[in-house]
Amino acid sequence: MTFADPQPQLQSSHDIAESWRKVVARRRMYTGLGFLILFIGFVGSVRFADESNAGHFFDRLPHLFDFLSWLVPKDWGDVWRALFDIASPNDKGGQEFNFDQGRVYIWGDFYIPEYFELMIITFNVALVSTIIGFIFAVPLSFMAARNLTPSNPLRIAVKRFMEFLRAFPEIVIAGLFSAILSIGPIAAIIAISLHCIGALGKLFYEVIENVDMRSDEGMRSVGASWMERVRFAALPQVLPNFMSYALLRLEINIRASTIIGAVGGGGIGEELKLSISRGFGAKTLALVLLLFVTIFAVDQFSAWLRRRLVGENAFLLKH
């Protein structure tokens, strides 16, 4: 009986360690080279922008945070007065402190603060757009799924259609419909809805393509139609994920409706743009605060509802 010489094994381990060090060194070199290329490209882009910019980027760079000087109000109480439409002691007849003139009276002396009404409009635009996008994205996603639609021409046509809908930013579509329908929430709803159909449709059909097909095979074996297979085999599996994506899209649409409002889509975005352009610090901070609180509330509600739909166990780490 002979024993193998351990020296070749030690040599082999040494070779493996040496090869690993070379691989790590090579990756670090490639990473450093990549960062160097990105830095050179960034510097070149900024220099090109500086030469093309009439305002001279580098010359104005030290003044980047000068806007804080007017954004910070002299009286922080004006932020709350602007938020709840309370008369300001600093009001001298101008538009900067005319907080109480924007009240929306509902009954007698009961009123809704102006910014709350604008936030409701913005939220309604996002909510209606999300509902419309969800209604149209669900059937389109089933027609685009490879495992449920055997027709290649139909599947490809539906996918290309949804790609076309999400190819253009909402603000571009809103500008087009604003020229046709005039400015207002209707153009914003159409723009966000079209983009939402394309975005949700892609997310939905990717979920559908990963479902368990055993239930679908059972439905097919008893002669079920395509609609019945979708309704009773696929939809119950994907509906919780559909609702989760729809709630996430609602949060995105609130931000989108705010941006579109700045270009004439109505809601809080238009007032925020005017406040910033006129240098009204208290009004700007009040609008930003209200927008932040609204998005935070929607995010918390969406997280709670997703847990109820998907199940608490889906959010726990499994060992």
C-alpha atoms as a PDB file:
ATOM      1  CA  MET A   1       0.000   0.000   0.000  1.00  0.00           C
ATOM      2  CA  THR A   2       1.410   3.379  -1.009  1.00  0.00           C
ATOM      3  CA  PHE A   3       0.547   6.868   0.128  1.00  0.00           C
ATOM      4  CA  ALA A   4       0.300   9.804  -2.264  1.00  0.00           C
ATOM      5  CA  ASP A   5       2.900  12.486  -1.886  1.00  0.00           C
ATOM      6  CA  PRO A   6       1.147  15.546  -0.336  1.00  0.00           C
ATOM      7  CA  GLN A   7       3.520  17.964  -2.082  1.00  0.00           C
ATOM      8  CA  PRO A   8       1.557  18.094  -5.396  1.00  0.00           C
ATOM      9  CA  GLN A   9      -1.645  18.850  -3.445  1.00  0.00           C
ATOM     10  CA  LEU A  10       0.047  21.705  -1.589  1.00  0.00           C
ATOM     11  CA  GLN A  11       1.422  22.988  -4.861  1.00  0.00           C
ATOM     12  CA  SER A  12      -2.020  22.804  -6.428  1.00  0.00           C
ATOM     13  CA  SER A  13      -3.568  24.810  -3.556  1.00  0.00           C
ATOM     14  CA  HIS A  14      -0.837  27.389  -3.950  1.00  0.00           C
ATOM     15  CA  ASP A  15      -1.556  27.624  -7.680  1.00  0.00           C
ATOM     16  CA  ILE A  16      -5.261  28.095  -7.012  1.00  0.00           C
ATOM     17  CA  ALA A  17      -4.596  30.890  -4.520  1.00  0.00           C
ATOM     18  CA  GLU A  18      -2.178  32.560  -6.939  1.00  0.00           C
ATOM     19  CA  SER A  19      -4.702  32.325  -9.780  1.00  0.00           C
ATOM     20  CA  TRP A  20      -7.375  33.827  -7.532  1.00  0.00           C
ATOM     21  CA  ARG A  21      -5.137  36.752  -6.642  1.00  0.00           C
ATOM     22  CA  LYS A  22      -4.467  37.371 -10.332  1.00  0.00           C
ATOM     23  CA  VAL A  23      -8.192  37.319 -11.121  1.00  0.00           C
ATOM     24  CA  VAL A  24      -8.927  39.767  -8.280  1.00  0.00           C
ATOM     25  CA  ALA A  25      -6.091  42.059  -9.372  1.00  0.00           C
ATOM     26  CA  ARG A  26      -7.344  41.961 -12.959  1.00  0.00           C
ATOM     27  CA  ARG A  27     -10.895  42.812 -11.898  1.00  0.00           C
ATOM     28  CA  ARG A  28      -9.672  45.692  -9.768  1.00  0.00           C
ATOM     29  CA  MET A  29      -7.666  46.995 -12.687  1.00  0.00           C
ATOM     30  CA  TYR A  30     -10.686  46.791 -15.003  1.00  0.00           C
ATOM     31  CA  THR A  31     -12.860  48.498 -12.380  1.00  0.00           C
ATOM     32  CA  GLY A  32     -10.363  51.302 -11.914  1.00  0.00           C
ATOM     33  CA  LEU A  33     -10.001  51.685 -15.672  1.00  0.00           C
ATOM     34  CA  GLY A  34     -13.785  51.829 -16.029  1.00  0.00           C
ATOM     35  CA  PHE A  35     -14.078  54.543 -13.382  1.00  0.00           C
ATOM     36  CA  LEU A  36     -11.272  56.485 -15.058  1.00  0.00           C
ATOM     37  CA  ILE A  37     -13.061  56.346 -18.418  1.00  0.00           C
ATOM     38  CA  LEU A  38     -16.323  57.453 -16.795  1.00  0.00           C
ATOM     39  CA  PHE A  39     -14.553  60.331 -15.039  1.00  0.00           C
ATOM     40  CA  ILE A  40     -12.899  61.470 -18.269  1.00  0.00           C
ATOM     41  CA  GLY A  41     -16.244  61.265 -20.062  1.00  0.00           C
ATOM     42  CA  PHE A  42     -17.949  63.223 -17.274  1.00  0.00           C
ATOM     43  CA  VAL A  43     -15.328  65.972 -17.290  1.00  0.00           C
ATOM     44  CA  GLY A  44     -15.494  66.188 -21.083  1.00  0.00           C
ATOM     45  CA  SER A  45     -19.300  66.378 -21.004  1.00  0.00           C
ATOM     46  CA  VAL A  46     -19.277  69.121 -18.361  1.00  0.00           C
ATOM     47  CA  ARG A  47     -16.704  71.119 -20.326  1.00  0.00           C
ATOM     48  CA  PHE A  48     -18.795  70.769 -23.471  1.00  0.00           C
ATOM     49  CA  ALA A  49     -21.894  71.866 -21.556  1.00  0.00           C
ATOM     50  CA  ASP A  50     -19.979  74.811 -20.107  1.00  0.00           C
ATOM     51  CA  GLU A  51     -18.906  75.949 -23.557  1.00  0.00           C
ATOM     52  CA  SER A  52     -22.436  75.528 -24.923  1.00  0.00           C
ATOM     53  CA  ASN A  53     -24.202  77.112 -21.953  1.00  0.00           C
ATOM     54  CA  ALA A  54     -24.749  80.840 -22.142  1.00  0.00           C
ATOM     55  CA  GLY A  55     -24.771  80.995 -18.344  1.00  0.00           C
ATOM     56  CA  HIS A  56     -21.286  79.461 -17.997  1.00  0.00           C
ATOM     57  CA  PHE A  57     -21.657  76.401 -15.776  1.00  0.00           C
ATOM     58  CA  PHE A  58     -18.316  76.670 -13.961  1.00  0.00           C
ATOM     59  CA  ASP A  59     -18.671  80.400 -13.363  1.00  0.00           C
ATOM     60  CA  ARG A  60     -22.070  79.916 -11.742  1.00  0.00           C
ATOM     61  CA  LEU A  61     -21.149  76.746  -9.809  1.00  0.00           C
ATOM     62  CA  PRO A  62     -20.228  78.640  -6.570  1.00  0.00           C
ATOM     63  CA  HIS A  63     -23.780  80.066  -6.575  1.00  0.00           C
ATOM     64  CA  LEU A  64     -25.434  76.642  -6.785  1.00  0.00           C
ATOM     65  CA  PHE A  65     -27.098  76.909  -3.375  1.00  0.00           C
ATOM     66  CA  ASP A  66     -27.940  80.588  -3.465  1.00  0.00           C
ATOM     67  CA  PHE A  67     -31.627  79.729  -3.773  1.00  0.00           C
ATOM     68  CA  LEU A  68     -31.602  78.731  -0.092  1.00  0.00           C
ATOM     69  CA  SER A  69     -31.318  82.412   0.798  1.00  0.00           C
ATOM     70  CA  TRP A  70     -34.865  83.083  -0.452  1.00  0.00           C
ATOM     71  CA  LEU A  71     -36.279  79.623   0.211  1.00  0.00           C
ATOM     72  CA  VAL A  72     -35.754  79.965   3.974  1.00  0.00           C
ATOM     73  CA  PRO A  73     -38.597  82.226   5.212  1.00  0.00           C
ATOM     74  CA  LYS A  74     -38.028  85.004   7.698  1.00  0.00           C
ATOM     75  CA  ASP A  75     -41.034  83.824   9.706  1.00  0.00           C
ATOM     76  CA  TRP A  76     -41.393  80.021   9.881  1.00  0.00           C
ATOM     77  CA  GLY A  77     -44.964  80.463  11.047  1.00  0.00           C
ATOM     78  CA  ASP A  78     -45.823  81.585   7.512  1.00  0.00           C
ATOM     79  CA  VAL A  79     -45.220  78.037   6.285  1.00  0.00           C
ATOM     80  CA  TRP A  80     -48.108  76.736   8.405  1.00  0.00           C
ATOM     81  CA  ARG A  81     -50.237  79.768   7.601  1.00  0.00           C
ATOM     82  CA  ALA A  82     -49.709  79.157   3.880  1.00  0.00           C
ATOM     83  CA  LEU A  83     -50.557  75.488   4.316  1.00  0.00           C
ATOM     84  CA  PHE A  84     -53.871  76.109   6.123  1.00  0.00           C
ATOM     85  CA  ASP A  85     -54.812  79.466   4.513  1.00  0.00           C
ATOM     86  CA  ILE A  86     -54.433  81.492   7.694  1.00  0.00           C
ATOM     87  CA  ALA A  87     -53.980  85.252   7.396  1.00  0.00           C
ATOM     88  CA  SER A  88     -50.369  86.335   7.810  1.00  0.00           C
ATOM     89  CA  PRO A  89     -49.281  89.374   9.847  1.00  0.00           C
ATOM     90  CA  ASN A  90     -46.665  89.981   7.157  1.00  0.00           C
ATOM     91  CA  ASP A  91     -49.297  90.506   4.452  1.00  0.00           C
ATOM     92  CA  LYS A  92     -48.900  93.939   2.877  1.00  0.00           C
ATOM     93  CA  GLY A  93     -51.232  93.457  -0.065  1.00  0.00           C
ATOM     94  CA  GLY A  94     -48.913  91.446  -2.298  1.00  0.00           C
ATOM     95  CA  GLN A  95     -49.220  87.837  -3.486  1.00  0.00           C
ATOM     96  CA  GLU A  96     -46.422  86.460  -1.350  1.00  0.00           C
ATOM     97  CA  PHE A  97     -48.406  86.444   1.904  1.00  0.00           C
ATOM     98  CA  ASN A  98     -52.040  86.476   0.716  1.00  0.00           C
ATOM     99  CA  PHE A  99     -52.641  83.036   2.207  1.00  0.00           C
ATOM    100  CA  ASP A 100     -56.279  83.532   3.256  1.00  0.00           C
ATOM    101  CA  GLN A 101     -57.418  84.545  -0.238  1.00  0.00           C
ATOM    102  CA  GLY A 102     -57.085  81.024  -1.634  1.00  0.00           C
ATOM    103  CA  ARG A 103     -59.683  79.400   0.621  1.00  0.00           C
ATOM    104  CA  VAL A 104     -62.225  77.096  -1.036  1.00  0.00           C
ATOM    105  CA  TYR A 105     -65.439  77.525   0.943  1.00  0.00           C
ATOM    106  CA  ILE A 106     -67.669  74.470   1.162  1.00  0.00           C
ATOM    107  CA  TRP A 107     -70.449  75.462   3.545  1.00  0.00           C
ATOM    108  CA  GLY A 108     -70.714  78.703   5.455  1.00  0.00           C
ATOM    109  CA  ASP A 109     -67.397  79.428   7.121  1.00  0.00           C
ATOM    110  CA  PHE A 110     -66.117  75.890   6.561  1.00  0.00           C
ATOM    111  CA  TYR A 111     -63.419  75.811   3.895  1.00  0.00           C
ATOM    112  CA  ILE A 112     -60.740  73.569   2.405  1.00  0.00           C
ATOM    113  CA  PRO A 113     -57.263  75.136   2.217  1.00  0.00           C
ATOM    114  CA  GLU A 114     -56.263  75.927  -1.338  1.00  0.00           C
ATOM    115  CA  TYR A 115     -53.228  73.643  -1.371  1.00  0.00           C
ATOM    116  CA  PHE A 116     -55.239  70.724   0.004  1.00  0.00           C
ATOM    117  CA  GLU A 117     -57.729  71.124  -2.840  1.00  0.00           C
ATOM    118  CA  LEU A 118     -54.885  71.205  -5.368  1.00  0.00           C
ATOM    119  CA  MET A 119     -53.373  68.091  -3.773  1.00  0.00           C
ATOM    120  CA  ILE A 120     -56.744  66.338  -4.050  1.00  0.00           C
ATOM    121  CA  ILE A 121     -56.844  67.190  -7.762  1.00  0.00           C
ATOM    122  CA  THR A 122     -53.326  65.827  -8.227  1.00  0.00           C
ATOM    123  CA  PHE A 123     -54.186  62.649  -6.325  1.00  0.00           C
ATOM    124  CA  ASN A 124     -57.406  62.179  -8.303  1.00  0.00           C
ATOM    125  CA  VAL A 125     -55.506  62.502 -11.587  1.00  0.00           C
ATOM    126  CA  ALA A 126     -53.067  59.822 -10.444  1.00  0.00           C
ATOM    127  CA  LEU A 127     -55.812  57.539  -9.095  1.00  0.00           C
ATOM    128  CA  VAL A 128     -58.022  57.724 -12.192  1.00  0.00           C
ATOM    129  CA  SER A 129     -55.011  57.212 -14.452  1.00  0.00           C
ATOM    130  CA  THR A 130     -53.921  54.164 -12.460  1.00  0.00           C
ATOM    131  CA  ILE A 131     -57.401  52.626 -12.616  1.00  0.00           C
ATOM    132  CA  ILE A 132     -57.625  53.170 -16.381  1.00  0.00           C
ATOM    133  CA  GLY A 133     -54.125  51.789 -16.873  1.00  0.00           C
ATOM    134  CA  PHE A 134     -54.932  48.718 -14.764  1.00  0.00           C
ATOM    135  CA  ILE A 135     -58.188  47.979 -16.621  1.00  0.00           C
ATOM    136  CA  PHE A 136     -56.509  48.013 -20.033  1.00  0.00           C
ATOM    137  CA  ALA A 137     -53.173  46.500 -18.999  1.00  0.00           C
ATOM    138  CA  VAL A 138     -54.685  43.294 -17.573  1.00  0.00           C
ATOM    139  CA  PRO A 139     -56.198  41.905 -20.818  1.00  0.00           C
ATOM    140  CA  LEU A 140     -53.247  43.135 -22.902  1.00  0.00           C
ATOM    141  CA  SER A 141     -50.785  41.396 -20.588  1.00  0.00           C
ATOM    142  CA  PHE A 142     -52.528  38.042 -20.962  1.00  0.00           C
ATOM    143  CA  MET A 143     -52.443  38.424 -24.753  1.00  0.00           C
ATOM    144  CA  ALA A 144     -48.718  39.244 -24.576  1.00  0.00           C
ATOM    145  CA  ALA A 145     -47.752  36.306 -22.334  1.00  0.00           C
ATOM    146  CA  ARG A 146     -45.842  33.581 -24.162  1.00  0.00           C
ATOM    147  CA  ASN A 147     -47.274  30.722 -22.099  1.00  0.00           C
ATOM    148  CA  LEU A 148     -50.930  31.694 -22.661  1.00  0.00           C
ATOM    149  CA  THR A 149     -51.025  33.126 -26.187  1.00  0.00           C
ATOM    150  CA  PRO A 150     -49.774  30.694 -28.856  1.00  0.00           C
ATOM    151  CA  SER A 151     -50.259  33.211 -31.678  1.00  0.00           C
ATOM    152  CA  ASN A 152     -46.904  34.871 -32.363  1.00  0.00           C
ATOM    153  CA  PRO A 153     -48.297  37.736 -34.521  1.00  0.00           C
ATOM    154  CA  LEU A 154     -50.836  38.697 -31.852  1.00  0.00           C
ATOM    155  CA  ARG A 155     -48.303  38.490 -29.026  1.00  0.00           C
ATOM    156  CA  ILE A 156     -45.693  40.529 -30.916  1.00  0.00           C
ATOM    157  CA  ALA A 157     -48.266  43.152 -31.954  1.00  0.00           C
ATOM    158  CA  VAL A 158     -49.488  43.600 -28.372  1.00  0.00           C
ATOM    159  CA  LYS A 159     -45.937  43.880 -27.021  1.00  0.00           C
ATOM    160  CA  ARG A 160     -44.974  46.458 -29.648  1.00  0.00           C
ATOM    161  CA  PHE A 161     -48.144  48.427 -28.872  1.00  0.00           C
ATOM    162  CA  MET A 162     -47.324  48.561 -25.161  1.00  0.00           C
ATOM    163  CA  GLU A 163     -43.728  49.525 -25.945  1.00  0.00           C
ATOM    164  CA  PHE A 164     -45.040  52.390 -28.056  1.00  0.00           C
ATOM    165  CA  LEU A 165     -47.256  53.615 -25.206  1.00  0.00           C
ATOM    166  CA  ARG A 166     -44.412  53.749 -22.694  1.00  0.00           C
ATOM    167  CA  ALA A 167     -41.806  55.035 -25.157  1.00  0.00           C
ATOM    168  CA  PHE A 168     -42.760  58.684 -24.644  1.00  0.00           C
ATOM    169  CA  PRO A 169     -42.579  60.485 -21.275  1.00  0.00           C
ATOM    170  CA  GLU A 170     -45.898  61.528 -19.777  1.00  0.00           C
ATOM    171  CA  ILE A 171     -44.991  65.195 -20.048  1.00  0.00           C
ATOM    172  CA  VAL A 172     -44.567  64.896 -23.833  1.00  0.00           C
ATOM    173  CA  ILE A 173     -47.948  63.193 -24.249  1.00  0.00           C
ATOM    174  CA  ALA A 174     -49.541  65.762 -21.934  1.00  0.00           C
ATOM    175  CA  GLY A 175     -48.132  68.588 -24.060  1.00  0.00           C
ATOM    176  CA  LEU A 176     -49.673  67.035 -27.170  1.00  0.00           C
ATOM    177  CA  PHE A 177     -53.117  66.602 -25.642  1.00  0.00           C
ATOM    178  CA  SER A 178     -52.966  70.011 -23.975  1.00  0.00           C
ATOM    179  CA  ALA A 179     -52.635  71.536 -27.453  1.00  0.00           C
ATOM    180  CA  ILE A 180     -55.696  69.558 -28.565  1.00  0.00           C
ATOM    181  CA  LEU A 181     -57.926  69.644 -25.472  1.00  0.00           C
ATOM    182  CA  SER A 182     -56.509  72.782 -23.799  1.00  0.00           C
ATOM    183  CA  ILE A 183     -54.681  72.713 -20.502  1.00  0.00           C
ATOM    184  CA  GLY A 184     -56.242  70.971 -17.522  1.00  0.00           C
ATOM    185  CA  PRO A 185     -56.531  67.649 -15.696  1.00  0.00           C
ATOM    186  CA  ILE A 186     -58.100  65.819 -18.665  1.00  0.00           C
ATOM    187  CA  ALA A 187     -54.917  66.034 -20.725  1.00  0.00           C
ATOM    188  CA  ALA A 188     -52.906  64.888 -17.697  1.00  0.00           C
ATOM    189  CA  ILE A 189     -55.187  61.884 -17.142  1.00  0.00           C
ATOM    190  CA  ILE A 190     -54.909  60.785 -20.779  1.00  0.00           C
ATOM    191  CA  ALA A 191     -51.119  61.172 -20.796  1.00  0.00           C
ATOM    192  CA  ILE A 192     -50.523  59.280 -17.555  1.00  0.00           C
ATOM    193  CA  SER A 193     -53.076  56.584 -18.442  1.00  0.00           C
ATOM    194  CA  LEU A 194     -51.442  55.805 -21.789  1.00  0.00           C
ATOM    195  CA  HIS A 195     -47.998  55.523 -20.239  1.00  0.00           C
ATOM    196  CA  CYS A 196     -49.431  53.507 -17.344  1.00  0.00           C
ATOM    197  CA  ILE A 197     -50.977  50.950 -19.720  1.00  0.00           C
ATOM    198  CA  GLY A 198     -47.611  50.295 -21.340  1.00  0.00           C
ATOM    199  CA  ALA A 199     -45.685  50.164 -18.063  1.00  0.00           C
ATOM    200  CA  LEU A 200     -48.140  47.973 -16.161  1.00  0.00           C
ATOM    201  CA  GLY A 201     -48.678  45.732 -19.178  1.00  0.00           C
ATOM    202  CA  LYS A 202     -44.983  44.846 -19.299  1.00  0.00           C
ATOM    203  CA  LEU A 203     -44.832  44.117 -15.572  1.00  0.00           C
ATOM    204  CA  PHE A 204     -48.009  42.065 -15.721  1.00  0.00           C
ATOM    205  CA  TYR A 205     -47.077  39.777 -18.616  1.00  0.00           C
ATOM    206  CA  GLU A 206     -43.693  39.059 -17.045  1.00  0.00           C
ATOM    207  CA  VAL A 207     -45.560  37.893 -13.920  1.00  0.00           C
ATOM    208  CA  ILE A 208     -47.910  35.773 -16.031  1.00  0.00           C
ATOM    209  CA  GLU A 209     -45.034  34.045 -17.818  1.00  0.00           C
ATOM    210  CA  ASN A 210     -43.774  32.755 -14.453  1.00  0.00           C
ATOM    211  CA  VAL A 211     -47.004  31.199 -13.165  1.00  0.00           C
ATOM    212  CA  ASP A 212     -47.404  27.503 -12.399  1.00  0.00           C
ATOM    213  CA  MET A 213     -48.915  25.962 -15.556  1.00  0.00           C
ATOM    214  CA  ARG A 214     -50.222  22.784 -13.930  1.00  0.00           C
ATOM    215  CA  SER A 215     -53.593  24.360 -13.219  1.00  0.00           C
ATOM    216  CA  ASP A 216     -53.753  25.586 -16.813  1.00  0.00           C
ATOM    217  CA  GLU A 217     -53.007  22.077 -18.068  1.00  0.00           C
ATOM    218  CA  GLY A 218     -55.844  20.744 -15.918  1.00  0.00           C
ATOM    219  CA  MET A 219     -58.243  23.305 -17.393  1.00  0.00           C
ATOM    220  CA  ARG A 220     -57.170  22.438 -20.926  1.00  0.00           C
ATOM    221  CA  SER A 221     -57.644  18.714 -20.290  1.00  0.00           C
ATOM    222  CA  VAL A 222     -61.343  19.264 -19.564  1.00  0.00           C
ATOM    223  CA  GLY A 223     -61.850  21.433 -22.645  1.00  0.00           C
ATOM    224  CA  ALA A 224     -61.838  24.899 -21.051  1.00  0.00           C
ATOM    225  CA  SER A 225     -61.738  27.908 -23.350  1.00  0.00           C
ATOM    226  CA  TRP A 226     -58.930  30.483 -23.344  1.00  0.00           C
ATOM    227  CA  MET A 227     -61.028  32.921 -21.317  1.00  0.00           C
ATOM    228  CA  GLU A 228     -61.847  30.240 -18.758  1.00  0.00           C
ATOM    229  CA  ARG A 229     -58.170  29.265 -18.432  1.00  0.00           C
ATOM    230  CA  VAL A 230     -57.240  32.892 -17.861  1.00  0.00           C
ATOM    231  CA  ARG A 231     -60.069  33.485 -15.396  1.00  0.00           C
ATOM    232  CA  PHE A 232     -59.777  30.344 -13.268  1.00  0.00           C
ATOM    233  CA  ALA A 233     -56.174  29.126 -13.738  1.00  0.00           C
ATOM    234  CA  ALA A 234     -53.899  32.142 -14.246  1.00  0.00           C
ATOM    235  CA  LEU A 235     -55.691  35.150 -12.751  1.00  0.00           C
ATOM    236  CA  PRO A 236     -55.963  33.835  -9.157  1.00  0.00           C
ATOM    237  CA  GLN A 237     -52.194  33.248  -9.123  1.00  0.00           C
ATOM    238  CA  VAL A 238     -51.169  36.669 -10.426  1.00  0.00           C
ATOM    239  CA  LEU A 239     -53.840  38.966  -8.991  1.00  0.00           C
ATOM    240  CA  PRO A 240     -51.968  39.743  -5.719  1.00  0.00           C
ATOM    241  CA  ASN A 241     -48.867  40.712  -7.717  1.00  0.00           C
ATOM    242  CA  PHE A 242     -51.022  42.733 -10.103  1.00  0.00           C
ATOM    243  CA  MET A 243     -52.433  44.733  -7.200  1.00  0.00           C
ATOM    244  CA  SER A 244     -48.963  45.213  -5.733  1.00  0.00           C
ATOM    245  CA  TYR A 245     -47.629  46.636  -9.005  1.00  0.00           C
ATOM    246  CA  ALA A 246     -50.721  48.804  -9.428  1.00  0.00           C
ATOM    247  CA  LEU A 247     -50.221  50.348  -5.981  1.00  0.00           C
ATOM    248  CA  LEU A 248     -46.573  50.989  -6.775  1.00  0.00           C
ATOM    249  CA  ARG A 249     -47.628  52.619 -10.022  1.00  0.00           C
ATOM    250  CA  LEU A 250     -50.053  54.848  -8.104  1.00  0.00           C
ATOM    251  CA  GLU A 251     -47.131  56.301  -6.161  1.00  0.00           C
ATOM    252  CA  ILE A 252     -45.245  56.924  -9.406  1.00  0.00           C
ATOM    253  CA  ASN A 253     -48.306  58.529 -11.004  1.00  0.00           C
ATOM    254  CA  ILE A 254     -48.669  60.997  -8.126  1.00  0.00           C
ATOM    255  CA  ARG A 255     -45.189  62.285  -8.889  1.00  0.00           C
ATOM    256  CA  ALA A 256     -45.937  62.287 -12.624  1.00  0.00           C
ATOM    257  CA  SER A 257     -49.177  64.240 -12.160  1.00  0.00           C
ATOM    258  CA  THR A 258     -47.273  66.804 -10.082  1.00  0.00           C
ATOM    259  CA  ILE A 259     -44.720  67.294 -12.864  1.00  0.00           C
ATOM    260  CA  ILE A 260     -47.410  67.495 -15.539  1.00  0.00           C
ATOM    261  CA  GLY A 261     -49.256  70.027 -13.411  1.00  0.00           C
ATOM    262  CA  ALA A 262     -46.253  72.323 -13.730  1.00  0.00           C
ATOM    263  CA  VAL A 263     -46.833  72.514 -17.506  1.00  0.00           C
ATOM    264  CA  GLY A 264     -50.561  73.150 -17.355  1.00  0.00           C
ATOM    265  CA  GLY A 265     -52.004  69.847 -16.157  1.00  0.00           C
ATOM    266  CA  GLY A 266     -53.639  71.378 -13.100  1.00  0.00           C
ATOM    267  CA  GLY A 267     -53.193  70.426  -9.480  1.00  0.00           C
ATOM    268  CA  ILE A 268     -50.409  71.204  -7.069  1.00  0.00           C
ATOM    269  CA  GLY A 269     -47.626  71.164  -9.661  1.00  0.00           C
ATOM    270  CA  GLU A 270     -48.757  74.377 -11.322  1.00  0.00           C
ATOM    271  CA  GLU A 271     -48.870  76.266  -8.022  1.00  0.00           C
ATOM    272  CA  LEU A 272     -45.481  74.867  -7.023  1.00  0.00           C
ATOM    273  CA  LYS A 273     -43.936  76.098 -10.261  1.00  0.00           C
ATOM    274  CA  LEU A 274     -45.403  79.575  -9.768  1.00  0.00           C
ATOM    275  CA  SER A 275     -44.205  79.777  -6.171  1.00  0.00           C
ATOM    276  CA  ILE A 276     -40.655  78.784  -7.119  1.00  0.00           C
ATOM    277  CA  SER A 277     -40.503  81.150 -10.096  1.00  0.00           C
ATOM    278  CA  ARG A 278     -41.729  84.079  -8.003  1.00  0.00           C
ATOM    279  CA  GLY A 279     -39.461  83.325  -5.040  1.00  0.00           C
ATOM    280  CA  PHE A 280     -42.232  82.789  -2.478  1.00  0.00           C
ATOM    281  CA  GLY A 281     -40.320  80.811   0.145  1.00  0.00           C
ATOM    282  CA  ALA A 282     -43.142  80.121   2.608  1.00  0.00           C
ATOM    283  CA  LYS A 283     -45.551  78.964  -0.084  1.00  0.00           C
ATOM    284  CA  THR A 284     -42.895  76.785  -1.703  1.00  0.00           C
ATOM    285  CA  LEU A 285     -42.017  75.059   1.581  1.00  0.00           C
ATOM    286  CA  ALA A 286     -45.707  74.529   2.356  1.00  0.00           C
ATOM    287  CA  LEU A 287     -46.300  72.894  -1.010  1.00  0.00           C
ATOM    288  CA  VAL A 288     -43.207  70.692  -0.723  1.00  0.00           C
ATOM    289  CA  LEU A 289     -44.228  69.652   2.797  1.00  0.00           C
ATOM    290  CA  LEU A 290     -47.753  68.748   1.684  1.00  0.00           C
ATOM    291  CA  LEU A 291     -46.453  66.796  -1.306  1.00  0.00           C
ATOM    292  CA  PHE A 292     -43.984  64.883   0.868  1.00  0.00           C
ATOM    293  CA  VAL A 293     -46.608  63.996   3.480  1.00  0.00           C
ATOM    294  CA  THR A 294     -49.031  62.828   0.777  1.00  0.00           C
ATOM    295  CA  ILE A 295     -46.485  60.590  -0.943  1.00  0.00           C
ATOM    296  CA  PHE A 296     -45.374  59.202   2.422  1.00  0.00           C
ATOM    297  CA  ALA A 297     -48.978  58.435   3.389  1.00  0.00           C
ATOM    298  CA  VAL A 298     -49.673  56.737   0.059  1.00  0.00           C
ATOM    299  CA  ASP A 299     -46.472  54.734   0.377  1.00  0.00           C
ATOM    300  CA  GLN A 300     -47.381  53.515   3.875  1.00  0.00           C
ATOM    301  CA  PHE A 301     -50.932  52.654   2.840  1.00  0.00           C
ATOM    302  CA  SER A 302     -49.660  50.804  -0.245  1.00  0.00           C
ATOM    303  CA  ALA A 303     -47.204  48.799   1.855  1.00  0.00           C
ATOM    304  CA  TRP A 304     -49.970  47.850   4.310  1.00  0.00           C
ATOM    305  CA  LEU A 305     -52.371  46.860   1.523  1.00  0.00           C
ATOM    306  CA  ARG A 306     -49.707  44.842  -0.305  1.00  0.00           C
ATOM    307  CA  ARG A 307     -49.062  42.876   2.870  1.00  0.00           C
ATOM    308  CA  ARG A 308     -52.770  42.154   3.207  1.00  0.00           C
ATOM    309  CA  LEU A 309     -53.040  41.028  -0.419  1.00  0.00           C
ATOM    310  CA  VAL A 310     -49.822  39.041  -0.793  1.00  0.00           C
ATOM    311  CA  GLY A 311     -49.624  37.798   2.786  1.00  0.00           C
ATOM    312  CA  GLU A 312     -47.345  38.594   5.703  1.00  0.00           C
ATOM    313  CA  ASN A 313     -45.240  35.475   5.112  1.00  0.00           C
ATOM    314  CA  ALA A 314     -44.094  36.801   1.741  1.00  0.00           C
ATOM    315  CA  PHE A 315     -42.197  39.594   3.549  1.00  0.00           C
ATOM    316  CA  LEU A 316     -40.457  37.339   6.081  1.00  0.00           C
ATOM    317  CA  LEU A 317     -37.012  35.858   5.620  1.00  0.00           C
ATOM    318  CA  LYS A 318     -37.151  32.099   5.267  1.00  0.00           C
ATOM    319  CA  HIS A 319     -34.308  30.002   6.616  1.00  0.00           C
END
